[in-house]
Protein backbone atom coordinates (compact mmCIF):
# COMPACT_ATOMS: atom_id res chain seq x y z
CA MET A 1 0.00 0.00 0.00
CA THR A 2 1.35 3.41 -0.97
CA ILE A 3 0.77 6.33 1.39
CA GLU A 4 0.53 9.61 -0.46
CA ILE A 5 2.25 12.56 1.22
CA THR A 6 0.43 15.74 0.25
CA THR A 7 2.60 18.70 -0.64
CA VAL A 8 1.18 22.09 0.28
CA GLY A 9 3.24 25.07 -0.64
CA PRO A 10 4.73 27.48 -0.82
CA VAL A 11 3.42 28.96 2.44
CA PRO A 12 4.29 32.65 2.95
CA LEU A 13 5.20 34.15 6.30
CA VAL A 14 2.11 36.34 5.96
CA ASP A 15 -0.62 36.43 3.31
CA LEU A 16 -2.09 39.93 3.09
CA ALA A 17 -4.17 39.07 0.03
CA ILE A 18 -6.56 37.11 2.25
CA GLN A 19 -7.25 40.18 4.36
CA HIS A 20 -7.62 42.41 1.33
CA GLU A 21 -10.22 40.12 -0.19
CA GLN A 22 -12.39 40.51 2.91
CA VAL A 23 -12.26 44.32 2.96
CA ALA A 24 -11.86 45.09 -0.76
CA THR A 25 -15.40 46.28 -1.45
CA GLU A 26 -15.55 48.42 1.68
CA VAL A 27 -12.14 49.93 0.98
CA ASP A 28 -13.01 50.64 -2.65
CA VAL A 29 -16.14 52.55 -1.62
CA ALA A 30 -14.11 54.57 0.89
CA PHE A 31 -11.39 55.32 -1.66
CA GLN A 32 -13.95 56.58 -4.17
CA ARG A 33 -15.44 58.85 -1.50
CA ILE A 34 -12.00 60.23 -0.59
CA LEU A 35 -11.06 60.75 -4.23
CA ALA A 36 -14.31 62.63 -4.76
CA ASN A 37 -13.86 64.98 -1.79
CA GLY A 38 -10.08 65.36 -2.10
CA SER A 39 -9.34 65.12 1.63
CA TYR A 40 -6.14 63.12 1.26
CA VAL A 41 -4.29 64.07 4.47
CA LEU A 42 -5.91 64.22 7.93
CA GLY A 43 -9.31 63.95 6.27
CA PRO A 44 -12.53 62.94 8.04
CA ASP A 45 -11.65 59.24 8.00
CA VAL A 46 -8.55 59.98 10.09
CA ALA A 47 -10.60 61.55 12.88
CA GLU A 48 -13.12 58.71 12.65
CA PHE A 49 -10.39 56.09 12.88
CA GLU A 50 -8.71 57.89 15.78
CA ALA A 51 -11.96 57.84 17.75
CA GLU A 52 -12.64 54.21 16.89
CA PHE A 53 -9.15 52.95 17.71
CA ALA A 54 -9.01 54.93 20.96
CA ALA A 55 -12.32 53.36 22.01
CA TYR A 56 -11.14 49.91 20.95
CA SER A 57 -7.92 50.26 22.94
CA GLY A 58 -9.47 51.87 26.00
CA ALA A 59 -7.58 55.16 25.70
CA LEU A 60 -9.08 58.64 25.64
CA TYR A 61 -7.07 59.82 22.65
CA CYS A 62 -5.47 58.49 19.50
CA ALA A 63 -3.31 60.64 17.21
CA GLY A 64 -2.73 59.17 13.76
CA VAL A 65 0.79 59.71 12.46
CA ALA A 66 2.87 58.68 9.45
CA ASN A 67 4.47 55.51 10.89
CA GLY A 68 5.27 53.62 14.04
CA THR A 69 8.77 55.02 14.47
CA ASP A 70 7.43 58.57 14.39
CA ALA A 71 4.83 57.51 16.94
CA ILE A 72 7.51 56.53 19.47
CA GLU A 73 9.50 59.69 18.83
CA LEU A 74 6.52 62.02 19.09
CA ALA A 75 5.33 60.35 22.28
CA LEU A 76 8.77 60.84 23.85
CA ARG A 77 8.95 64.44 22.63
CA ALA A 78 5.55 65.10 24.19
CA PHE A 79 7.33 64.57 27.52
CA ASP A 80 10.18 66.93 26.49
CA ILE A 81 12.65 64.06 26.32
CA GLY A 82 15.73 65.08 24.37
CA PRO A 83 19.50 65.63 24.47
CA GLY A 84 21.12 64.60 27.74
CA ASP A 85 18.27 62.25 28.65
CA GLU A 86 18.32 58.46 28.78
CA VAL A 87 15.53 56.07 27.83
CA ILE A 88 15.53 52.41 28.83
CA ILE A 89 14.59 49.92 26.10
CA PRO A 90 15.02 46.15 25.60
CA ALA A 91 18.03 44.81 23.71
CA ASN A 92 15.67 42.38 21.97
CA THR A 93 13.63 44.64 19.68
CA PHE A 94 13.55 46.05 16.18
CA VAL A 95 16.04 48.90 15.80
CA ALA A 96 13.20 51.40 15.29
CA THR A 97 12.68 51.47 19.06
CA ALA A 98 16.25 52.63 19.59
CA GLY A 99 16.14 54.84 16.50
CA ALA A 100 13.16 56.80 17.80
CA VAL A 101 15.01 57.48 21.06
CA ARG A 102 18.04 58.66 19.11
CA ARG A 103 15.95 60.93 16.90
CA CYS A 104 14.83 62.76 20.04
CA GLY A 105 18.47 63.36 20.85
CA ALA A 106 18.28 61.03 23.85
CA THR A 107 20.41 57.95 24.55
CA PRO A 108 18.94 54.44 24.47
CA VAL A 109 19.94 52.38 27.50
CA LEU A 110 19.59 48.65 26.93
CA VAL A 111 18.27 45.94 29.24
CA ASP A 112 18.31 42.20 28.50
CA CYS A 113 15.18 40.13 27.97
CA ASP A 114 13.95 37.28 30.13
CA PRO A 115 14.80 33.81 28.78
CA GLU A 116 11.28 32.38 28.81
CA HIS A 117 9.22 35.07 27.08
CA LEU A 118 12.02 37.17 25.46
CA LEU A 119 10.37 40.33 26.82
CA LEU A 120 12.04 43.21 28.65
CA ASP A 121 13.22 41.76 31.97
CA PRO A 122 12.11 43.97 34.91
CA ALA A 123 14.92 42.49 37.01
CA GLY A 124 17.47 44.30 34.88
CA ILE A 125 15.88 47.74 34.82
CA GLU A 126 16.77 49.39 38.12
CA SER A 127 20.50 48.80 37.78
CA ARG A 128 20.38 50.76 34.50
CA ILE A 129 18.59 53.80 35.94
CA THR A 130 20.73 56.92 36.40
CA SER A 131 20.08 60.56 37.22
CA ARG A 132 19.55 61.14 33.48
CA THR A 133 16.91 58.43 32.97
CA ARG A 134 13.58 59.90 31.92
CA ALA A 135 11.52 57.04 30.51
CA ILE A 136 11.11 53.32 29.92
CA VAL A 137 9.92 52.00 26.56
CA PRO A 138 8.78 48.39 27.05
CA VAL A 139 8.13 46.49 23.82
CA HIS A 140 5.08 44.24 23.52
CA LEU A 141 6.97 41.73 21.43
CA TYR A 142 5.52 39.15 19.04
CA GLY A 143 1.95 39.91 20.13
CA GLN A 144 1.98 39.87 23.93
CA LEU A 145 2.43 42.56 26.55
CA ALA A 146 5.67 43.09 28.40
CA PRO A 147 5.35 42.61 32.21
CA MET A 148 3.68 45.99 32.63
CA LYS A 149 2.69 45.77 36.29
CA GLU A 150 6.32 45.42 37.34
CA ILE A 151 7.55 48.00 34.81
CA VAL A 152 4.95 50.61 35.78
CA SER A 153 5.77 50.04 39.45
CA ILE A 154 9.50 50.58 38.83
CA ALA A 155 8.76 53.71 36.81
CA ALA A 156 6.56 55.13 39.57
CA ARG A 157 9.25 54.57 42.20
CA HIS A 158 11.78 56.49 40.12
CA GLY A 159 9.52 59.17 38.65
CA LEU A 160 9.89 57.90 35.07
CA ARG A 161 7.53 58.04 32.12
CA VAL A 162 6.40 54.83 30.40
CA VAL A 163 5.86 54.83 26.64
CA GLU A 164 4.67 51.44 25.37
CA ASP A 165 5.94 50.19 22.02
CA ALA A 166 2.74 48.40 21.03
CA ALA A 167 3.50 47.98 17.33
CA GLN A 168 3.02 44.20 17.45
CA ALA A 169 0.14 44.01 19.90
CA GLN A 170 -3.09 45.54 18.59
CA GLY A 171 -5.81 43.90 20.67
CA ALA A 172 -3.47 42.18 23.13
CA GLU A 173 -4.37 42.36 26.82
CA HIS A 174 -3.09 41.72 30.31
CA ASP A 175 -5.75 40.90 32.91
CA GLY A 176 -8.36 42.28 30.52
CA ARG A 177 -6.61 45.62 29.99
CA ARG A 178 -5.53 46.41 26.44
CA ALA A 179 -2.05 47.18 25.20
CA GLY A 180 -1.57 50.91 24.88
CA THR A 181 -3.27 51.87 28.14
CA TRP A 182 -0.71 50.82 30.74
CA GLY A 183 1.81 53.61 30.33
CA ASP A 184 1.67 57.38 30.07
CA ALA A 185 1.43 56.96 26.31
CA ALA A 186 1.83 54.24 23.71
CA ALA A 187 3.05 54.06 20.15
CA THR A 188 1.84 51.63 17.55
CA SER A 189 2.56 50.84 13.92
CA PHE A 190 0.13 49.99 11.17
CA TYR A 191 2.78 48.70 8.78
CA PRO A 192 0.98 46.32 6.37
CA GLY A 193 2.09 43.10 8.08
CA LYS A 194 0.89 44.10 11.55
CA ASN A 195 -2.25 42.58 13.08
CA LEU A 196 -3.94 45.84 12.12
CA GLY A 197 -2.12 46.89 8.96
CA ALA A 198 -2.60 49.69 6.45
CA TYR A 199 -1.80 49.59 2.73
CA GLY A 200 1.41 51.51 3.39
CA ASP A 201 3.03 53.16 6.38
CA ALA A 202 0.95 54.57 9.24
CA GLY A 203 1.10 54.72 13.02
CA ALA A 204 -0.54 56.24 16.06
CA VAL A 205 0.04 57.52 19.58
CA LEU A 206 -2.42 56.47 22.28
CA THR A 207 -2.80 58.33 25.56
CA SER A 208 -5.37 59.36 28.15
CA SER A 209 -3.50 62.57 28.95
CA ASP A 210 -5.00 65.80 27.60
CA ALA A 211 -1.58 67.46 27.54
CA VAL A 212 0.17 64.60 25.73
CA ALA A 213 -2.58 64.34 23.15
CA GLU A 214 -2.51 68.08 22.49
CA SER A 215 1.26 67.99 22.12
CA VAL A 216 1.26 65.08 19.66
CA TYR A 217 -1.57 66.56 17.58
CA ALA A 218 0.61 69.64 17.14
CA LEU A 219 3.97 67.89 16.74
CA ARG A 220 2.70 65.70 13.88
CA ASN A 221 1.58 68.78 11.92
CA HIS A 222 4.55 71.18 11.96
CA GLY A 223 3.78 72.17 15.54
CA SER A 224 0.32 73.45 14.65
CA THR A 225 -3.27 72.65 15.49
CA VAL A 226 -4.52 75.87 13.85
CA LYS A 227 -3.63 76.42 10.20
CA TYR A 228 -0.65 78.74 9.68
CA GLN A 229 -0.10 79.17 13.41
CA HIS A 230 3.08 77.40 14.56
CA PRO A 231 3.91 78.19 18.19
CA ALA A 232 6.30 75.22 18.39
CA LEU A 233 8.64 73.35 16.08
CA GLY A 234 7.03 70.17 14.78
CA PHE A 235 7.23 67.57 12.04
CA ASN A 236 5.41 66.39 8.97
CA SER A 237 3.99 63.12 10.28
CA ARG A 238 0.32 63.20 9.35
CA MET A 239 -1.77 60.12 8.67
CA ASP A 240 -2.90 59.62 5.08
CA THR A 241 -6.71 59.58 4.81
CA MET A 242 -6.75 56.52 2.56
CA GLN A 243 -4.72 54.59 5.10
CA ALA A 244 -7.22 55.58 7.77
CA ALA A 245 -10.05 54.25 5.59
CA VAL A 246 -8.25 50.91 5.25
CA LEU A 247 -7.65 50.76 8.99
CA ARG A 248 -11.30 51.49 9.76
CA ALA A 249 -12.38 48.56 7.60
CA LYS A 250 -9.81 46.24 9.14
CA LEU A 251 -10.44 47.35 12.73
CA ARG A 252 -13.98 45.99 12.48
CA ARG A 253 -12.49 42.55 11.80
CA LEU A 254 -9.47 42.70 14.11
CA ASP A 255 -10.91 40.66 16.99
CA ASP A 256 -11.97 37.90 14.61
CA TRP A 257 -8.57 37.92 12.89
CA ASN A 258 -6.80 37.81 16.25
CA ALA A 259 -8.98 34.84 17.24
CA GLN A 260 -7.89 33.08 14.05
CA ARG A 261 -4.26 33.81 14.93
CA ASN A 262 -4.82 32.31 18.37
CA GLN A 263 -6.33 29.16 16.84
CA ALA A 264 -3.35 28.84 14.51
CA ALA A 265 -0.94 29.26 17.44
CA GLU A 266 -2.78 26.56 19.38
CA LEU A 267 -2.51 24.23 16.39
CA TYR A 268 1.24 24.79 16.09
CA ALA A 269 1.60 24.06 19.80
CA GLU A 270 -0.38 20.84 19.40
CA LEU A 271 1.52 19.69 16.31
CA LEU A 272 4.90 20.43 17.91
CA ALA A 273 4.11 19.30 21.46
CA ALA A 274 6.03 16.04 21.13
CA ARG A 275 9.08 17.64 19.51
CA PRO A 276 11.67 18.54 22.17
CA GLU A 277 14.00 19.74 19.38
CA VAL A 278 11.70 22.75 18.98
CA THR A 279 11.28 25.19 21.86
CA LEU A 280 7.79 26.68 21.74
CA PRO A 281 6.83 30.25 22.68
CA VAL A 282 5.46 30.87 26.18
CA THR A 283 2.67 33.28 27.09
CA LEU A 284 3.20 35.42 30.19
CA PRO A 285 0.54 34.62 32.83
CA GLY A 286 -2.41 37.00 32.56
CA ASN A 287 -1.63 37.90 28.95
CA ARG A 288 -4.02 37.52 26.05
CA HIS A 289 -1.57 36.94 23.21
CA VAL A 290 -2.55 38.06 19.69
CA TRP A 291 0.25 36.16 17.95
CA HIS A 292 1.64 38.78 15.61
CA LEU A 293 4.45 36.26 15.21
CA TYR A 294 4.84 32.61 16.18
CA VAL A 295 8.48 32.36 17.23
CA VAL A 296 10.10 29.02 18.03
CA GLN A 297 13.71 28.24 18.87
CA VAL A 298 15.90 25.55 17.33
CA ALA A 299 19.54 24.53 17.23
CA GLU A 300 21.48 25.19 14.01
CA ARG A 301 18.94 27.88 13.18
CA ASP A 302 20.61 29.21 10.03
CA ARG A 303 20.74 25.75 8.46
CA VAL A 304 17.16 24.98 9.46
CA LEU A 305 15.93 28.31 8.12
CA ALA A 306 17.72 27.79 4.82
CA GLU A 307 16.13 24.36 4.42
CA LEU A 308 12.68 25.71 5.25
CA ASN A 309 13.00 28.56 2.76
CA ALA A 310 14.29 26.17 0.07
CA ALA A 311 11.22 23.98 0.66
CA GLY A 312 8.87 26.96 0.22
CA VAL A 313 8.20 27.76 3.88
CA GLY A 314 8.26 31.53 4.32
CA ALA A 315 9.88 31.46 7.75
CA GLY A 316 11.88 34.46 8.97
CA ILE A 317 13.84 35.84 11.93
CA HIS A 318 12.58 38.55 14.31
CA TYR A 319 15.27 39.68 15.08
CA PRO A 320 18.64 38.23 14.06
CA VAL A 321 20.80 40.98 15.62
CA PRO A 322 20.23 42.57 19.05
CA VAL A 323 20.32 46.36 19.11
CA HIS A 324 23.77 46.67 20.68
CA LEU A 325 25.45 44.64 17.93
CA HIS A 326 24.30 46.90 15.09
CA GLY A 327 26.91 49.30 13.73
CA ALA A 328 24.54 52.22 14.26
CA TYR A 329 24.78 51.71 18.03
CA VAL A 330 28.45 50.91 18.45
CA ASP A 331 28.91 54.20 20.32
CA LEU A 332 26.81 52.81 23.20
CA GLY A 333 29.98 50.94 24.12
CA HIS A 334 28.62 47.41 24.23
CA CYS A 335 30.10 44.21 22.84
CA ALA A 336 29.09 40.61 22.35
CA GLY A 337 28.24 39.02 25.69
CA ASP A 338 26.76 42.12 27.31
CA PHE A 339 23.16 40.94 26.84
CA PRO A 340 23.52 37.15 26.79
CA VAL A 341 19.84 36.19 26.75
CA ALA A 342 19.01 38.36 23.75
CA GLU A 343 22.15 37.20 21.96
CA ALA A 344 21.44 33.51 22.58
CA ALA A 345 17.85 33.90 21.39
CA ALA A 346 18.96 35.74 18.25
CA ASP A 347 20.92 32.63 17.24
CA ARG A 348 17.96 30.27 17.74
CA ILE A 349 14.68 32.00 16.84
CA ILE A 350 12.57 31.31 13.77
CA SER A 351 9.19 32.91 12.98
CA LEU A 352 6.82 30.40 11.40
CA PRO A 353 4.06 31.38 8.94
CA LEU A 354 1.00 32.57 10.82
CA TYR A 355 -1.85 34.80 9.63
CA PRO A 356 -5.65 34.90 9.58
CA GLY A 357 -6.79 32.37 7.00
CA ILE A 358 -3.84 29.99 7.21
CA THR A 359 -5.19 26.45 6.83
CA PHE A 360 -4.66 23.28 8.83
CA GLU A 361 -3.05 21.71 5.76
CA GLN A 362 -0.60 24.59 5.43
CA GLN A 363 0.38 24.47 9.10
CA ASP A 364 0.71 20.70 9.08
CA TRP A 365 2.97 20.93 6.05
CA VAL A 366 5.07 23.69 7.67
CA VAL A 367 5.51 21.51 10.77
CA ARG A 368 6.52 18.50 8.70
CA GLN A 369 9.18 20.58 6.93
CA LEU A 370 10.40 22.00 10.25
CA VAL A 371 10.62 18.59 11.93
CA GLY A 372 12.43 17.19 8.91
CA ALA A 373 14.94 20.02 9.02
CA VAL A 374 15.66 19.85 12.76
CA THR A 375 15.92 16.04 12.84
CA GLY A 376 17.68 15.62 9.51
CA GLN A 377 14.99 13.22 8.30
């Protein structure tokens, strides 16, 4: 008897076409309306989206900006953080977190991640606080919140601001409280591949502070909230109206899409449960994970990744180089070995394909390719 092994592939890391198909008609109607009225920048859809996303997140205000990196920078600037100041961030994050701190003129101060969840480790924060420290930027990595209760408590003891980097966590929660509402402000990205993604770059700042909201509304628009009146220096970081229309359509489906991500994550965990060669991701107690990425760890990662990609599995790495080992941050004075947990993880992590609409057959095939690669069979 011959057993037929079904081949399913290639499987991309993310399939945005599935999402587009579900919102295409709604987006097309919105685009035609915007084209007819000509309100291309900060048009009515931007204000509508800001109100809707603030309500969804549980914040009083949302300021739509050009991208997620600008969102972090503008949130920090709203607290007058700049040259001479220090901002604590995790070593295990995309360089945009550090870049936004630098663009303010401040210095990023790195802290290692914890080995189980790969999130900013609260145990390492206080030893990095100095008289120049002004803020902590915890990153809600891969779709789950950083340990915010501990981080907020540390910040309160030392009089520091907390600006959440929530770019990968739209809809994520801890003890029923949404990402973006734990700190003094939060920044998020709507880059196309995010859980809530635009059709180009976009971002937002969330806050429940009147003063912070007023500052960001001005900073994003050349320092002005009244046309041709510029009492402060600002930037050109306004949200495109068409992007806001896309985000409005997708926001209505976000909870369902996040539920599909959760189901896919549960299936990966089930399919890989008996494979000790693959270290599975762990959810922090109290967190509601939204699985922006499904990140496993394996030995000989580069070889395994190459074999997966050659087989048509769109696996990736988030992120292969910790912040301190990038040439752009050599002046921070760190070297290999300074943040051992982040460095060890960077050599082992692989992001598996996961997105709303991924099928059982696709995931089963991805797992079979992964197991074959790690076991050499």
